[in-house]
Amino acid sequence: MKKLILAAVLLAMLVPGTQSLFAADKPVNLALVTPIQIFKSTESIAGLRLNLIYGKNDNMTGLDIGLANHATGKLQGIQWGVVNLAGQGGAGIQWGWVNIDKGGTFTGLQYGYYNETNQMVGLQLGLLNWAQSANGLQIGLINVIRKGGWFPVFPIINGSFK
């Protein structure tokens, strides 16, 4: 097993551009409240980010845990907290009381009391689910799909499959 891991690491180092890709993103960040965090909010994190109160970074790839988690760019991974924010779409899971993606397309699962995204591909589970457009399902007390849904507003279940 160790030989397999070593071979994978060596192969990744040989692929052109891989080292510069890893050098751009920071592997871990710890934030009390932005700007009191290890790396600046303009840096991207690829790995683990722990936000004791509020943490903000550009792109977030990996596991994002805290009270309030904010990726101003893309989210690729899991945000788990009370409030989860993504600015430019992404893929993964937002699991919290309030989950908002203001950007392009969010692919995956939003699970919480209030879920909002511009374009949803996947599943929203919550009391209030809101999407500008969707390719998937919303399950909750109130479900809103502004364009192209089965219904503009509908209780229990709404969706659209394109």
Protein backbone atom coordinates (compact mmCIF):
# COMPACT_ATOMS: atom_id res chain seq x y z
CA MET A 1 0.00 0.00 0.00
CA LYS A 2 2.84 2.38 0.86
CA LYS A 3 4.44 1.71 -2.52
CA LEU A 4 1.19 2.54 -4.30
CA ILE A 5 0.84 5.86 -2.44
CA LEU A 6 4.49 6.74 -3.11
CA ALA A 7 4.06 5.93 -6.82
CA ALA A 8 0.94 8.14 -7.02
CA VAL A 9 2.75 11.06 -5.36
CA LEU A 10 5.74 10.72 -7.68
CA LEU A 11 3.48 10.52 -10.73
CA ALA A 12 1.60 13.64 -9.64
CA MET A 13 4.89 15.52 -9.27
CA LEU A 14 5.87 14.55 -12.81
CA VAL A 15 2.68 15.85 -14.42
CA PRO A 16 3.44 19.30 -15.88
CA GLY A 17 1.91 22.17 -13.94
CA THR A 18 0.95 20.06 -10.92
CA GLN A 19 3.43 21.66 -8.55
CA SER A 20 2.28 25.18 -9.41
CA LEU A 21 -1.34 24.09 -8.94
CA PHE A 22 -0.65 22.81 -5.43
CA ALA A 23 1.49 25.83 -4.59
CA ALA A 24 -1.38 28.24 -5.32
CA ASP A 25 -3.77 26.78 -2.76
CA LYS A 26 -3.10 26.59 0.95
CA PRO A 27 -3.72 23.17 2.56
CA VAL A 28 -5.32 24.34 5.81
CA ASN A 29 -6.77 27.48 7.32
CA LEU A 30 -7.97 28.35 10.80
CA ALA A 31 -10.14 31.43 11.33
CA LEU A 32 -11.54 33.09 14.42
CA VAL A 33 -13.32 35.76 12.41
CA THR A 34 -12.08 37.22 9.13
CA PRO A 35 -9.52 38.90 9.00
CA ILE A 36 -8.17 37.05 12.07
CA GLN A 37 -7.20 33.87 10.25
CA ILE A 38 -4.00 32.14 9.14
CA PHE A 39 -4.27 33.02 5.44
CA LYS A 40 -5.79 36.13 3.87
CA SER A 41 -9.36 36.01 2.57
CA THR A 42 -8.04 36.39 -0.99
CA GLU A 43 -6.20 33.04 -0.77
CA SER A 44 -7.73 29.72 -1.89
CA ILE A 45 -7.81 26.69 0.41
CA ALA A 46 -7.51 23.09 -0.78
CA GLY A 47 -7.84 20.81 2.20
CA LEU A 48 -9.37 21.74 5.56
CA ARG A 49 -10.73 25.04 6.82
CA LEU A 50 -11.92 25.46 10.42
CA ASN A 51 -13.93 28.61 11.14
CA LEU A 52 -14.54 29.17 14.83
CA ILE A 53 -16.92 32.08 14.15
CA TYR A 54 -16.56 33.27 10.52
CA GLY A 55 -14.05 32.32 7.87
CA LYS A 56 -13.78 33.68 4.35
CA ASN A 57 -11.49 32.66 1.49
CA ASP A 58 -11.61 32.82 -2.29
CA ASN A 59 -12.03 29.21 -3.50
CA MET A 60 -12.59 26.31 -1.11
CA THR A 61 -11.80 22.72 -2.06
CA GLY A 62 -12.22 20.11 0.64
CA LEU A 63 -13.86 20.23 4.05
CA ASP A 64 -15.14 23.57 5.38
CA ILE A 65 -16.37 23.45 9.01
CA GLY A 66 -17.52 26.25 11.31
CA LEU A 67 -20.32 28.54 12.41
CA ALA A 68 -20.18 30.66 9.23
CA ASN A 69 -18.30 29.42 6.17
CA HIS A 70 -17.80 31.71 3.17
CA ALA A 71 -16.15 30.90 -0.15
CA THR A 72 -16.27 34.02 -2.33
CA GLY A 73 -15.28 31.92 -5.36
CA LYS A 74 -16.11 28.29 -6.08
CA LEU A 75 -16.85 25.59 -3.53
CA GLN A 76 -15.69 22.04 -4.29
CA GLY A 77 -16.38 19.81 -1.31
CA ILE A 78 -18.41 19.98 1.89
CA GLN A 79 -19.48 23.04 3.87
CA TRP A 80 -20.83 22.12 7.29
CA GLY A 81 -21.96 24.88 9.61
CA VAL A 82 -24.81 27.15 10.67
CA VAL A 83 -24.40 29.45 7.64
CA ASN A 84 -22.71 28.30 4.42
CA LEU A 85 -22.01 30.70 1.55
CA ALA A 86 -20.55 30.13 -1.91
CA GLY A 87 -20.07 32.98 -4.33
CA GLN A 88 -19.55 31.43 -7.75
CA GLY A 89 -21.15 28.00 -7.73
CA GLY A 90 -19.44 24.72 -7.25
CA ALA A 91 -20.08 21.10 -6.47
CA GLY A 92 -20.56 19.20 -3.25
CA ILE A 93 -22.67 19.48 -0.12
CA GLN A 94 -23.83 22.49 1.86
CA TRP A 95 -25.19 21.23 5.20
CA GLY A 96 -26.41 23.83 7.68
CA TRP A 97 -29.29 26.02 8.75
CA VAL A 98 -28.76 28.51 5.89
CA ASN A 99 -27.09 27.49 2.61
CA ILE A 100 -26.64 30.08 -0.12
CA ASP A 101 -24.85 29.91 -3.45
CA LYS A 102 -24.99 33.28 -5.24
CA GLY A 103 -22.95 32.32 -8.30
CA GLY A 104 -23.34 30.12 -11.32
CA THR A 105 -24.34 26.49 -10.94
CA PHE A 106 -24.34 24.52 -7.70
CA THR A 107 -24.21 20.77 -8.29
CA GLY A 108 -24.93 18.50 -5.36
CA LEU A 109 -26.95 18.67 -2.14
CA GLN A 110 -28.15 21.62 -0.09
CA TYR A 111 -29.59 20.46 3.23
CA GLY A 112 -30.91 22.96 5.75
CA TYR A 113 -33.81 25.18 6.81
CA TYR A 114 -33.19 27.68 3.97
CA ASN A 115 -31.45 26.74 0.72
CA GLU A 116 -30.83 29.15 -2.14
CA THR A 117 -28.94 28.91 -5.41
CA ASN A 118 -28.97 30.54 -8.82
CA GLN A 119 -28.94 27.30 -10.81
CA MET A 120 -29.41 24.04 -8.91
CA VAL A 121 -28.35 20.66 -10.26
CA GLY A 122 -29.15 18.00 -7.72
CA LEU A 123 -31.25 18.07 -4.56
CA GLN A 124 -32.41 20.69 -2.09
CA LEU A 125 -33.87 19.45 1.21
CA GLY A 126 -35.21 22.09 3.59
CA LEU A 127 -38.13 24.12 4.87
CA LEU A 128 -37.66 26.78 2.16
CA ASN A 129 -35.85 25.93 -1.06
CA TRP A 130 -35.22 28.60 -3.69
CA ALA A 131 -33.62 28.33 -7.14
CA GLN A 132 -33.61 30.60 -10.16
CA SER A 133 -33.56 27.46 -12.35
CA ALA A 134 -33.15 23.78 -11.58
CA ASN A 135 -32.26 20.39 -12.92
CA GLY A 136 -33.23 18.20 -10.00
CA LEU A 137 -35.58 18.06 -7.02
CA GLN A 138 -36.60 20.28 -4.15
CA ILE A 139 -38.22 18.66 -1.13
CA GLY A 140 -39.55 20.93 1.62
CA LEU A 141 -42.39 23.01 2.99
CA ILE A 142 -42.04 25.72 0.30
CA ASN A 143 -40.17 25.12 -2.96
CA VAL A 144 -39.52 27.89 -5.49
CA ILE A 145 -38.12 27.50 -9.00
CA ARG A 146 -38.35 30.85 -10.78
CA LYS A 147 -37.78 29.60 -14.36
CA GLY A 148 -38.61 26.23 -15.90
CA GLY A 149 -39.77 24.29 -12.86
CA TRP A 150 -42.84 22.10 -12.70
CA PHE A 151 -44.43 24.93 -10.72
CA PRO A 152 -43.10 28.40 -9.82
CA VAL A 153 -43.94 27.73 -6.14
CA PHE A 154 -45.12 24.43 -4.72
CA PRO A 155 -45.23 22.70 -1.30
CA ILE A 156 -43.63 19.34 -0.48
CA ILE A 157 -41.92 18.62 -3.83
CA ASN A 158 -40.94 20.59 -6.93
CA GLY A 159 -38.43 19.98 -9.63
CA SER A 160 -37.28 20.17 -13.19
CA PHE A 161 -35.38 17.71 -15.33
CA LYS A 162 -33.86 19.14 -18.50
